[in-house]
Amino acid sequence: MRRAKITRKTAETEIEVEINLDGSGRYDNQTGVGFFDHMLDQLARHSLIDIRVRAKGDLHIDDHHTVEDTGIALGQALTKALGDKAGIRRYGSFHLAMDDALVRAALDLSARPWLGWNVDFPAQKIGSFDTELVREFFQALSTHGGITLHVDRLHGVNAHHIAEATFKAIARALREAVEPDPRMAGVLPSTKGAL
């Protein structure tokens, strides 16, 4: 039953997120921000986490609140779906190559949020999407998902490829971290007694 549904409503956005950690990577994401939807689809497909997002935001201002608040709600859903985290692998890492881009992601579902971000973009926009919002999304996801997350762009000249490689690398690391570990069934992956 590693599923969760989160609804978040503010003066700026209305977000509904549903996830299934034991899914097959199905996605149904509608935020009103085309490129962001494409990235959320990649996150689902490559993590094998089913993700459904419905977002209505103040896009007449810009995409910032919609992207950030989606990250908040998705992080909260992840925390809820993981429960006490007993039996999971907890850690995940992946090097993702996509054409010119090479991105490394490593994460710990530690309940101690931290974002180490070393991803520069050669352009400020991908279509109408601000590339700085990639970091904003993962900052919100990390904070509200209790994730220690380190991301590094090792190579890349195309902003679209760099962004997509970032989402895919984090997705693959997340896939590994949330998976049940058959050698740790029911056991918390920590000597502290809590995560």
N, C-alpha and C. Protein backbone atom coordinates (compact mmCIF):
# COMPACT_ATOMS: atom_id res chain seq x y z
N MET A 1 0.83 -1.21 0.00
CA MET A 1 0.00 0.00 0.00
C MET A 1 0.86 1.25 0.00
N ARG A 2 1.93 1.24 -0.74
CA ARG A 2 2.83 2.40 -0.73
C ARG A 2 2.32 3.43 -1.74
N ARG A 3 1.18 4.00 -1.39
CA ARG A 3 0.53 5.00 -2.22
C ARG A 3 0.23 6.22 -1.37
N ALA A 4 0.06 7.35 -2.05
CA ALA A 4 -0.31 8.56 -1.33
C ALA A 4 -1.00 9.54 -2.26
N LYS A 5 -1.87 10.34 -1.67
CA LYS A 5 -2.53 11.42 -2.38
C LYS A 5 -2.41 12.67 -1.52
N ILE A 6 -1.96 13.74 -2.13
CA ILE A 6 -1.79 15.02 -1.44
C ILE A 6 -2.53 16.10 -2.21
N THR A 7 -3.27 16.92 -1.48
CA THR A 7 -3.91 18.10 -2.07
C THR A 7 -3.36 19.32 -1.37
N ARG A 8 -2.93 20.29 -2.16
CA ARG A 8 -2.35 21.52 -1.61
C ARG A 8 -3.04 22.70 -2.29
N LYS A 9 -3.59 23.59 -1.49
CA LYS A 9 -4.28 24.76 -2.03
C LYS A 9 -3.77 26.01 -1.34
N THR A 10 -3.32 26.97 -2.14
CA THR A 10 -2.88 28.27 -1.63
C THR A 10 -3.55 29.35 -2.48
N ALA A 11 -3.23 30.59 -2.19
CA ALA A 11 -3.74 31.70 -3.00
C ALA A 11 -3.12 31.70 -4.39
N GLU A 12 -2.03 30.96 -4.57
CA GLU A 12 -1.30 30.96 -5.84
C GLU A 12 -1.55 29.71 -6.69
N THR A 13 -1.79 28.57 -6.02
CA THR A 13 -1.92 27.31 -6.75
C THR A 13 -2.92 26.36 -6.09
N GLU A 14 -3.42 25.43 -6.90
CA GLU A 14 -4.17 24.28 -6.42
C GLU A 14 -3.51 23.05 -7.03
N ILE A 15 -2.96 22.19 -6.18
CA ILE A 15 -2.19 21.04 -6.64
C ILE A 15 -2.79 19.77 -6.06
N GLU A 16 -2.93 18.76 -6.90
CA GLU A 16 -3.31 17.42 -6.45
C GLU A 16 -2.31 16.43 -7.02
N VAL A 17 -1.70 15.65 -6.15
CA VAL A 17 -0.68 14.67 -6.54
C VAL A 17 -1.08 13.30 -6.02
N GLU A 18 -0.98 12.30 -6.88
CA GLU A 18 -1.16 10.91 -6.47
C GLU A 18 0.05 10.12 -6.95
N ILE A 19 0.59 9.27 -6.06
CA ILE A 19 1.72 8.43 -6.45
C ILE A 19 1.52 6.99 -5.96
N ASN A 20 2.16 6.09 -6.67
CA ASN A 20 2.23 4.68 -6.29
C ASN A 20 3.68 4.26 -6.45
N LEU A 21 4.35 4.02 -5.32
CA LEU A 21 5.77 3.67 -5.37
C LEU A 21 6.02 2.33 -6.04
N ASP A 22 5.01 1.47 -6.04
CA ASP A 22 5.16 0.13 -6.63
C ASP A 22 4.47 0.06 -7.98
N GLY A 23 4.53 1.13 -8.72
CA GLY A 23 3.89 1.21 -10.02
C GLY A 23 4.77 0.70 -11.14
N SER A 24 4.43 1.14 -12.33
CA SER A 24 5.17 0.72 -13.53
C SER A 24 5.67 1.93 -14.32
N GLY A 25 5.62 3.11 -13.70
CA GLY A 25 6.08 4.32 -14.37
C GLY A 25 5.00 5.00 -15.18
N ARG A 26 3.73 4.72 -14.87
CA ARG A 26 2.64 5.39 -15.57
C ARG A 26 2.58 6.85 -15.14
N TYR A 27 2.15 7.70 -16.04
CA TYR A 27 2.08 9.13 -15.75
C TYR A 27 0.87 9.76 -16.39
N ASP A 28 0.37 10.78 -15.71
CA ASP A 28 -0.76 11.57 -16.19
C ASP A 28 -0.63 12.93 -15.52
N ASN A 29 0.16 13.80 -16.13
CA ASN A 29 0.54 15.06 -15.51
C ASN A 29 0.04 16.25 -16.32
N GLN A 30 -0.70 17.11 -15.66
CA GLN A 30 -1.25 18.30 -16.31
C GLN A 30 -1.07 19.49 -15.37
N THR A 31 -0.06 20.29 -15.65
CA THR A 31 0.23 21.46 -14.82
C THR A 31 -0.01 22.77 -15.54
N GLY A 32 -0.24 22.72 -16.85
CA GLY A 32 -0.34 23.93 -17.63
C GLY A 32 1.00 24.43 -18.12
N VAL A 33 2.07 23.74 -17.73
CA VAL A 33 3.43 24.10 -18.15
C VAL A 33 3.97 22.92 -18.95
N GLY A 34 3.95 23.04 -20.27
CA GLY A 34 4.24 21.91 -21.16
C GLY A 34 5.57 21.23 -20.91
N PHE A 35 6.63 21.99 -20.84
CA PHE A 35 7.95 21.38 -20.64
C PHE A 35 8.03 20.69 -19.29
N PHE A 36 7.45 21.29 -18.27
CA PHE A 36 7.45 20.70 -16.94
C PHE A 36 6.67 19.39 -16.93
N ASP A 37 5.53 19.35 -17.61
CA ASP A 37 4.79 18.09 -17.73
C ASP A 37 5.67 17.00 -18.34
N HIS A 38 6.41 17.37 -19.37
CA HIS A 38 7.32 16.43 -20.04
C HIS A 38 8.37 15.91 -19.06
N MET A 39 8.88 16.77 -18.19
CA MET A 39 9.87 16.36 -17.21
C MET A 39 9.25 15.48 -16.12
N LEU A 40 8.05 15.79 -15.68
CA LEU A 40 7.36 14.94 -14.70
C LEU A 40 7.08 13.56 -15.28
N ASP A 41 6.76 13.53 -16.57
CA ASP A 41 6.57 12.24 -17.25
C ASP A 41 7.85 11.41 -17.21
N GLN A 42 8.99 12.06 -17.42
CA GLN A 42 10.28 11.37 -17.36
C GLN A 42 10.55 10.86 -15.94
N LEU A 43 10.22 11.69 -14.95
CA LEU A 43 10.43 11.30 -13.56
C LEU A 43 9.65 10.03 -13.23
N ALA A 44 8.42 9.97 -13.69
CA ALA A 44 7.59 8.79 -13.45
C ALA A 44 8.13 7.57 -14.20
N ARG A 45 8.32 7.73 -15.49
CA ARG A 45 8.73 6.60 -16.34
C ARG A 45 10.01 5.93 -15.85
N HIS A 46 10.99 6.74 -15.46
CA HIS A 46 12.31 6.19 -15.14
C HIS A 46 12.48 5.83 -13.67
N SER A 47 11.56 6.28 -12.82
CA SER A 47 11.59 5.85 -11.42
C SER A 47 10.69 4.63 -11.20
N LEU A 48 9.82 4.35 -12.17
CA LEU A 48 8.78 3.32 -12.07
C LEU A 48 7.76 3.65 -10.98
N ILE A 49 7.70 4.92 -10.61
CA ILE A 49 6.68 5.41 -9.69
C ILE A 49 5.54 5.98 -10.53
N ASP A 50 4.33 5.48 -10.34
CA ASP A 50 3.18 6.05 -11.03
C ASP A 50 2.93 7.44 -10.44
N ILE A 51 2.81 8.44 -11.31
CA ILE A 51 2.60 9.81 -10.86
C ILE A 51 1.45 10.44 -11.64
N ARG A 52 0.51 11.01 -10.90
CA ARG A 52 -0.58 11.80 -11.49
C ARG A 52 -0.58 13.16 -10.82
N VAL A 53 -0.48 14.22 -11.62
CA VAL A 53 -0.48 15.58 -11.09
C VAL A 53 -1.54 16.40 -11.82
N ARG A 54 -2.32 17.13 -11.03
CA ARG A 54 -3.22 18.14 -11.55
C ARG A 54 -2.87 19.44 -10.85
N ALA A 55 -2.51 20.45 -11.63
CA ALA A 55 -2.12 21.72 -11.04
C ALA A 55 -2.78 22.88 -11.78
N LYS A 56 -3.28 23.79 -11.00
CA LYS A 56 -3.79 25.06 -11.52
C LYS A 56 -3.04 26.15 -10.77
N GLY A 57 -2.32 26.96 -11.52
CA GLY A 57 -1.51 27.98 -10.87
C GLY A 57 -1.65 29.33 -11.54
N ASP A 58 -1.02 30.32 -10.94
CA ASP A 58 -1.07 31.69 -11.45
C ASP A 58 -0.08 31.87 -12.61
N LEU A 59 -0.33 31.13 -13.68
CA LEU A 59 0.59 31.15 -14.83
C LEU A 59 0.59 32.50 -15.54
N HIS A 60 -0.40 33.34 -15.28
CA HIS A 60 -0.39 34.69 -15.85
C HIS A 60 0.74 35.52 -15.26
N ILE A 61 1.24 35.09 -14.09
CA ILE A 61 2.41 35.76 -13.48
C ILE A 61 3.67 35.13 -14.05
N ASP A 62 3.87 33.84 -13.75
CA ASP A 62 4.92 33.02 -14.36
C ASP A 62 4.72 31.59 -13.89
N ASP A 63 5.67 30.71 -14.22
CA ASP A 63 5.54 29.29 -13.91
C ASP A 63 6.05 28.92 -12.52
N HIS A 64 6.68 29.88 -11.84
CA HIS A 64 7.43 29.58 -10.62
C HIS A 64 6.57 28.89 -9.55
N HIS A 65 5.45 29.48 -9.19
CA HIS A 65 4.64 28.93 -8.10
C HIS A 65 4.12 27.55 -8.43
N THR A 66 3.73 27.33 -9.68
CA THR A 66 3.21 26.03 -10.09
C THR A 66 4.28 24.96 -9.97
N VAL A 67 5.47 25.26 -10.46
CA VAL A 67 6.57 24.29 -10.43
C VAL A 67 7.00 24.02 -8.99
N GLU A 68 7.21 25.06 -8.20
CA GLU A 68 7.66 24.88 -6.83
C GLU A 68 6.62 24.14 -5.99
N ASP A 69 5.35 24.54 -6.10
CA ASP A 69 4.31 23.91 -5.28
C ASP A 69 4.05 22.46 -5.69
N THR A 70 4.27 22.15 -6.95
CA THR A 70 4.19 20.75 -7.38
C THR A 70 5.30 19.95 -6.71
N GLY A 71 6.50 20.52 -6.63
CA GLY A 71 7.61 19.87 -5.93
C GLY A 71 7.30 19.65 -4.46
N ILE A 72 6.67 20.64 -3.82
CA ILE A 72 6.28 20.51 -2.42
C ILE A 72 5.30 19.35 -2.25
N ALA A 73 4.24 19.34 -3.06
CA ALA A 73 3.21 18.30 -2.94
C ALA A 73 3.76 16.92 -3.27
N LEU A 74 4.62 16.84 -4.27
CA LEU A 74 5.20 15.55 -4.63
C LEU A 74 6.12 15.04 -3.52
N GLY A 75 6.88 15.93 -2.90
CA GLY A 75 7.72 15.55 -1.77
C GLY A 75 6.89 15.06 -0.59
N GLN A 76 5.78 15.75 -0.31
CA GLN A 76 4.90 15.32 0.77
C GLN A 76 4.28 13.96 0.47
N ALA A 77 3.90 13.74 -0.78
CA ALA A 77 3.33 12.44 -1.17
C ALA A 77 4.36 11.33 -1.01
N LEU A 78 5.60 11.60 -1.39
CA LEU A 78 6.67 10.63 -1.25
C LEU A 78 6.87 10.25 0.22
N THR A 79 6.91 11.26 1.09
CA THR A 79 7.07 11.01 2.53
C THR A 79 5.93 10.15 3.06
N LYS A 80 4.71 10.49 2.68
CA LYS A 80 3.54 9.75 3.14
C LYS A 80 3.56 8.31 2.63
N ALA A 81 3.88 8.12 1.36
CA ALA A 81 3.88 6.77 0.77
C ALA A 81 4.97 5.88 1.36
N LEU A 82 6.09 6.47 1.76
CA LEU A 82 7.19 5.70 2.32
C LEU A 82 6.93 5.25 3.76
N GLY A 83 6.03 5.94 4.45
CA GLY A 83 5.73 5.57 5.84
C GLY A 83 6.97 5.61 6.71
N ASP A 84 7.20 4.54 7.48
CA ASP A 84 8.36 4.52 8.37
C ASP A 84 9.66 4.11 7.67
N LYS A 85 9.58 3.79 6.40
CA LYS A 85 10.73 3.46 5.54
C LYS A 85 11.37 2.11 5.85
N ALA A 86 10.73 1.32 6.65
CA ALA A 86 11.28 -0.01 6.95
C ALA A 86 11.34 -0.84 5.68
N GLY A 87 12.47 -1.50 5.47
CA GLY A 87 12.64 -2.43 4.38
C GLY A 87 13.06 -1.84 3.04
N ILE A 88 13.23 -0.51 2.96
CA ILE A 88 13.65 0.09 1.69
C ILE A 88 15.18 0.11 1.59
N ARG A 89 15.66 0.33 0.39
CA ARG A 89 17.11 0.42 0.18
C ARG A 89 17.68 1.74 0.73
N ARG A 90 16.89 2.79 0.72
CA ARG A 90 17.20 4.10 1.28
C ARG A 90 18.12 4.95 0.40
N TYR A 91 19.18 4.38 -0.14
CA TYR A 91 20.14 5.12 -0.95
C TYR A 91 19.97 4.81 -2.43
N GLY A 92 20.31 5.77 -3.27
CA GLY A 92 20.29 5.53 -4.70
C GLY A 92 21.24 6.48 -5.40
N SER A 93 21.83 6.02 -6.49
CA SER A 93 22.69 6.90 -7.30
C SER A 93 22.67 6.42 -8.74
N PHE A 94 22.92 7.37 -9.65
CA PHE A 94 22.89 7.01 -11.06
C PHE A 94 23.64 8.06 -11.87
N HIS A 95 24.40 7.58 -12.87
CA HIS A 95 24.97 8.44 -13.91
C HIS A 95 24.08 8.28 -15.14
N LEU A 96 23.57 9.40 -15.66
CA LEU A 96 22.65 9.34 -16.80
C LEU A 96 23.25 10.09 -17.97
N ALA A 97 23.44 9.38 -19.08
CA ALA A 97 23.93 9.98 -20.31
C ALA A 97 22.76 10.22 -21.26
N MET A 98 22.68 11.42 -21.79
CA MET A 98 21.69 11.73 -22.81
C MET A 98 22.34 12.63 -23.83
N ASP A 99 22.73 12.04 -24.95
CA ASP A 99 23.43 12.79 -26.00
C ASP A 99 24.64 13.51 -25.41
N ASP A 100 24.68 14.83 -25.46
CA ASP A 100 25.83 15.59 -24.96
C ASP A 100 25.85 15.71 -23.44
N ALA A 101 24.73 15.42 -22.80
CA ALA A 101 24.62 15.65 -21.36
C ALA A 101 24.96 14.40 -20.56
N LEU A 102 25.66 14.62 -19.46
CA LEU A 102 25.96 13.56 -18.50
C LEU A 102 25.72 14.14 -17.11
N VAL A 103 24.78 13.52 -16.39
CA VAL A 103 24.40 14.02 -15.06
C VAL A 103 24.52 12.89 -14.05
N ARG A 104 25.06 13.24 -12.88
CA ARG A 104 25.18 12.29 -11.77
C ARG A 104 24.23 12.73 -10.66
N ALA A 105 23.46 11.77 -10.15
CA ALA A 105 22.57 12.05 -9.02
C ALA A 105 22.80 11.00 -7.94
N ALA A 106 22.86 11.45 -6.70
CA ALA A 106 22.97 10.54 -5.56
C ALA A 106 22.05 11.07 -4.47
N LEU A 107 21.31 10.15 -3.83
CA LEU A 107 20.36 10.60 -2.83
C LEU A 107 20.24 9.62 -1.67
N ASP A 108 19.73 10.15 -0.57
CA ASP A 108 19.50 9.40 0.66
C ASP A 108 18.14 9.82 1.19
N LEU A 109 17.24 8.87 1.38
CA LEU A 109 15.92 9.16 1.94
C LEU A 109 16.04 9.23 3.47
N SER A 110 16.77 10.22 3.92
CA SER A 110 17.26 10.33 5.28
C SER A 110 16.35 11.08 6.23
N ALA A 111 15.35 11.79 5.70
CA ALA A 111 14.54 12.74 6.46
C ALA A 111 15.35 13.98 6.86
N ARG A 112 16.53 14.12 6.27
CA ARG A 112 17.37 15.30 6.50
C ARG A 112 17.57 15.99 5.15
N PRO A 113 16.68 16.93 4.81
CA PRO A 113 16.74 17.54 3.49
C PRO A 113 18.01 18.34 3.26
N TRP A 114 18.56 18.14 2.08
CA TRP A 114 19.74 18.91 1.65
C TRP A 114 19.81 18.81 0.14
N LEU A 115 20.06 19.91 -0.51
CA LEU A 115 20.25 19.89 -1.96
C LEU A 115 21.62 20.43 -2.29
N GLY A 116 22.48 19.55 -2.81
CA GLY A 116 23.75 19.96 -3.38
C GLY A 116 23.56 20.04 -4.88
N TRP A 117 23.64 21.23 -5.44
CA TRP A 117 23.25 21.47 -6.84
C TRP A 117 24.42 22.04 -7.62
N ASN A 118 24.90 21.29 -8.58
CA ASN A 118 25.98 21.75 -9.45
C ASN A 118 25.54 21.51 -10.90
N VAL A 119 24.46 22.18 -11.27
CA VAL A 119 23.90 22.04 -12.62
C VAL A 119 23.73 23.43 -13.21
N ASP A 120 24.58 23.75 -14.16
CA ASP A 120 24.48 25.03 -14.86
C ASP A 120 23.86 24.80 -16.23
N PHE A 121 23.08 25.76 -16.67
CA PHE A 121 22.45 25.68 -17.98
C PHE A 121 23.04 26.74 -18.91
N PRO A 122 23.29 26.37 -20.17
CA PRO A 122 23.85 27.33 -21.12
C PRO A 122 22.82 28.34 -21.64
N ALA A 123 21.54 28.14 -21.29
CA ALA A 123 20.48 29.06 -21.72
C ALA A 123 19.54 29.30 -20.54
N GLN A 124 18.92 30.46 -20.51
CA GLN A 124 17.99 30.79 -19.43
C GLN A 124 16.60 30.23 -19.67
N LYS A 125 16.31 29.86 -20.91
CA LYS A 125 14.99 29.37 -21.26
C LYS A 125 15.09 28.10 -22.10
N ILE A 126 14.12 27.21 -21.90
CA ILE A 126 13.88 26.09 -22.81
C ILE A 126 12.47 26.33 -23.32
N GLY A 127 12.35 26.85 -24.52
CA GLY A 127 11.06 27.37 -24.98
C GLY A 127 10.70 28.55 -24.09
N SER A 128 9.57 28.46 -23.40
CA SER A 128 9.18 29.53 -22.48
C SER A 128 9.48 29.19 -21.03
N PHE A 129 10.09 28.03 -20.80
CA PHE A 129 10.35 27.54 -19.44
C PHE A 129 11.69 28.07 -18.92
N ASP A 130 11.67 28.68 -17.73
CA ASP A 130 12.89 29.19 -17.11
C ASP A 130 13.72 28.02 -16.56
N THR A 131 14.95 27.89 -17.01
CA THR A 131 15.78 26.77 -16.57
C THR A 131 16.07 26.81 -15.08
N GLU A 132 16.03 27.98 -14.44
CA GLU A 132 16.28 28.06 -13.00
C GLU A 132 15.19 27.33 -12.20
N LEU A 133 14.05 27.05 -12.83
CA LEU A 133 12.97 26.36 -12.14
C LEU A 133 13.25 24.87 -11.95
N VAL A 134 14.21 24.33 -12.69
CA VAL A 134 14.59 22.94 -12.46
C VAL A 134 15.13 22.81 -11.04
N ARG A 135 16.01 23.71 -10.66
CA ARG A 135 16.53 23.69 -9.28
C ARG A 135 15.42 23.95 -8.28
N GLU A 136 14.53 24.89 -8.55
CA GLU A 136 13.44 25.19 -7.62
C GLU A 136 12.58 23.96 -7.35
N PHE A 137 12.30 23.20 -8.40
CA PHE A 137 11.50 22.00 -8.23
C PHE A 137 12.20 20.99 -7.32
N PHE A 138 13.48 20.74 -7.59
CA PHE A 138 14.19 19.75 -6.80
C PHE A 138 14.50 20.24 -5.38
N GLN A 139 14.62 21.55 -5.19
CA GLN A 139 14.75 22.08 -3.82
C GLN A 139 13.49 21.78 -3.03
N ALA A 140 12.32 22.02 -3.64
CA ALA A 140 11.05 21.75 -2.97
C ALA A 140 10.85 20.26 -2.72
N LEU A 141 11.18 19.44 -3.72
CA LEU A 141 11.05 17.99 -3.57
C LEU A 141 11.95 17.47 -2.45
N SER A 142 13.19 17.95 -2.43
CA SER A 142 14.15 17.54 -1.41
C SER A 142 13.69 17.95 -0.01
N THR A 143 13.26 19.19 0.13
CA THR A 143 12.85 19.72 1.43
C THR A 143 11.64 18.98 1.98
N HIS A 144 10.63 18.80 1.15
CA HIS A 144 9.37 18.22 1.63
C HIS A 144 9.34 16.70 1.54
N GLY A 145 10.31 16.14 0.82
CA GLY A 145 10.44 14.69 0.77
C GLY A 145 11.48 14.17 1.75
N GLY A 146 12.16 15.08 2.46
CA GLY A 146 13.19 14.68 3.41
C GLY A 146 14.35 13.96 2.73
N ILE A 147 14.78 14.51 1.59
CA ILE A 147 15.79 13.84 0.77
C ILE A 147 17.11 14.61 0.81
N THR A 148 18.18 13.91 1.12
CA THR A 148 19.52 14.45 0.88
C THR A 148 19.81 14.15 -0.59
N LEU A 149 19.99 15.20 -1.39
CA LEU A 149 20.09 15.04 -2.84
C LEU A 149 21.28 15.84 -3.36
N HIS A 150 22.16 15.15 -4.08
CA HIS A 150 23.30 15.80 -4.73
C HIS A 150 23.20 15.55 -6.22
N VAL A 151 23.31 16.62 -7.00
CA VAL A 151 23.17 16.53 -8.45
C VAL A 151 24.30 17.31 -9.11
N ASP A 152 24.98 16.68 -10.06
CA ASP A 152 26.10 17.31 -10.75
C ASP A 152 25.98 17.12 -12.26
N ARG A 153 26.09 18.23 -13.00
CA ARG A 153 26.21 18.15 -14.45
C ARG A 153 27.68 17.96 -14.77
N LEU A 154 28.02 16.83 -15.32
CA LEU A 154 29.41 16.53 -15.66
C LEU A 154 29.76 17.00 -17.07
N HIS A 155 28.77 16.93 -17.97
CA HIS A 155 28.94 17.42 -19.34
C HIS A 155 27.59 17.91 -19.83
N GLY A 156 27.61 18.70 -20.89
CA GLY A 156 26.37 19.11 -21.52
C GLY A 156 26.46 20.49 -22.13
N VAL A 157 25.90 20.62 -23.34
CA VAL A 157 25.88 21.91 -24.03
C VAL A 157 24.47 22.32 -24.42
N ASN A 158 23.53 21.39 -24.39
CA ASN A 158 22.15 21.67 -24.78
C ASN A 158 21.28 21.70 -23.52
N ALA A 159 20.60 22.83 -23.29
CA ALA A 159 19.84 23.01 -22.05
C ALA A 159 18.72 21.98 -21.90
N HIS A 160 18.04 21.66 -22.99
CA HIS A 160 16.97 20.66 -22.93
C HIS A 160 17.53 19.31 -22.50
N HIS A 161 18.64 18.92 -23.10
CA HIS A 161 19.26 17.64 -22.76
C HIS A 161 19.72 17.61 -21.31
N ILE A 162 20.28 18.71 -20.84
CA ILE A 162 20.76 18.78 -19.45
C ILE A 162 19.59 18.64 -18.48
N ALA A 163 18.51 19.37 -18.73
CA ALA A 163 17.33 19.29 -17.85
C ALA A 163 16.75 17.89 -17.86
N GLU A 164 16.60 17.31 -19.03
CA GLU A 164 16.00 15.98 -19.11
C GLU A 164 16.90 14.93 -18.47
N ALA A 165 18.20 15.04 -18.68
CA ALA A 165 19.13 14.10 -18.05
C ALA A 165 19.08 14.23 -16.52
N THR A 166 18.86 15.44 -16.03
CA THR A 166 18.76 15.67 -14.59
C THR A 166 17.53 14.95 -14.01
N PHE A 167 16.38 15.15 -14.64
CA PHE A 167 15.17 14.47 -14.17
C PHE A 167 15.31 12.96 -14.25
N LYS A 168 15.90 12.46 -15.34
CA LYS A 168 16.04 11.01 -15.51
C LYS A 168 17.04 10.42 -14.51
N ALA A 169 18.14 11.11 -14.28
CA ALA A 169 19.14 10.61 -13.32
C ALA A 169 18.56 10.54 -11.92
N ILE A 170 17.83 11.58 -11.52
CA ILE A 170 17.21 11.58 -10.20
C ILE A 170 16.13 10.50 -10.12
N ALA A 171 15.40 10.32 -11.20
CA ALA A 171 14.38 9.27 -11.24
C ALA A 171 15.00 7.90 -11.01
N ARG A 172 16.11 7.61 -11.68
CA ARG A 172 16.74 6.29 -11.53
C ARG A 172 17.32 6.10 -10.13
N ALA A 173 17.86 7.17 -9.55
CA ALA A 173 18.36 7.09 -8.17
C ALA A 173 17.20 6.87 -7.20
N LEU A 174 16.09 7.56 -7.44
CA LEU A 174 14.91 7.41 -6.59
C LEU A 174 14.33 6.00 -6.70
N ARG A 175 14.32 5.47 -7.91
CA ARG A 175 13.85 4.09 -8.12
C ARG A 175 14.61 3.12 -7.22
N GLU A 176 15.91 3.26 -7.21
CA GLU A 176 16.75 2.37 -6.40
C GLU A 176 16.48 2.56 -4.91
N ALA A 177 16.34 3.82 -4.47
CA ALA A 177 16.21 4.12 -3.04
C ALA A 177 14.88 3.65 -2.46
N VAL A 178 13.78 3.74 -3.22
CA VAL A 178 12.47 3.38 -2.67
C VAL A 178 12.18 1.89 -2.78
N GLU A 179 13.00 1.16 -3.54
CA GLU A 179 12.75 -0.27 -3.73
C GLU A 179 12.88 -1.04 -2.41
N PRO A 180 11.99 -2.00 -2.20
CA PRO A 180 12.16 -2.89 -1.06
C PRO A 180 13.44 -3.71 -1.20
N ASP A 181 14.16 -3.85 -0.12
CA ASP A 181 15.39 -4.64 -0.09
C ASP A 181 15.05 -6.00 0.51
N PRO A 182 15.11 -7.08 -0.29
CA PRO A 182 14.71 -8.39 0.22
C PRO A 182 15.55 -8.87 1.40
N ARG A 183 16.74 -8.32 1.56
CA ARG A 183 17.59 -8.71 2.68
C ARG A 183 17.29 -7.90 3.94
N MET A 184 16.44 -6.86 3.78
CA MET A 184 16.13 -5.98 4.92
C MET A 184 14.62 -5.91 5.16
N ALA A 185 13.90 -6.97 4.83
CA ALA A 185 12.43 -6.96 4.92
C ALA A 185 11.98 -6.54 6.33
N GLY A 186 11.24 -5.44 6.38
CA GLY A 186 10.71 -4.97 7.65
C GLY A 186 11.70 -4.31 8.56
N VAL A 187 12.95 -4.20 8.13
CA VAL A 187 14.00 -3.62 8.98
C VAL A 187 14.29 -2.19 8.52
N LEU A 188 14.39 -1.28 9.46
CA LEU A 188 14.70 0.10 9.14
C LEU A 188 16.17 0.21 8.73
N PRO A 189 16.46 0.85 7.59
CA PRO A 189 17.85 0.95 7.15
C PRO A 189 18.62 2.05 7.86
N SER A 190 18.72 1.93 9.18
CA SER A 190 19.42 2.93 9.98
C SER A 190 19.76 2.31 11.35
N THR A 191 20.86 2.74 11.94
CA THR A 191 21.19 2.29 13.30
C THR A 191 20.59 3.23 14.35
N LYS A 192 19.96 4.34 13.90
CA LYS A 192 19.39 5.30 14.83
C LYS A 192 18.05 4.86 15.39
N GLY A 193 17.39 3.95 14.67
CA GLY A 193 16.07 3.51 15.10
C GLY A 193 14.94 4.32 14.51
N ALA A 194 15.26 5.34 13.72
CA ALA A 194 14.24 6.17 13.08
C ALA A 194 14.86 6.90 11.91
N LEU A 195 14.02 7.15 10.90
CA LEU A 195 14.43 7.98 9.77
C LEU A 195 13.40 9.08 9.59
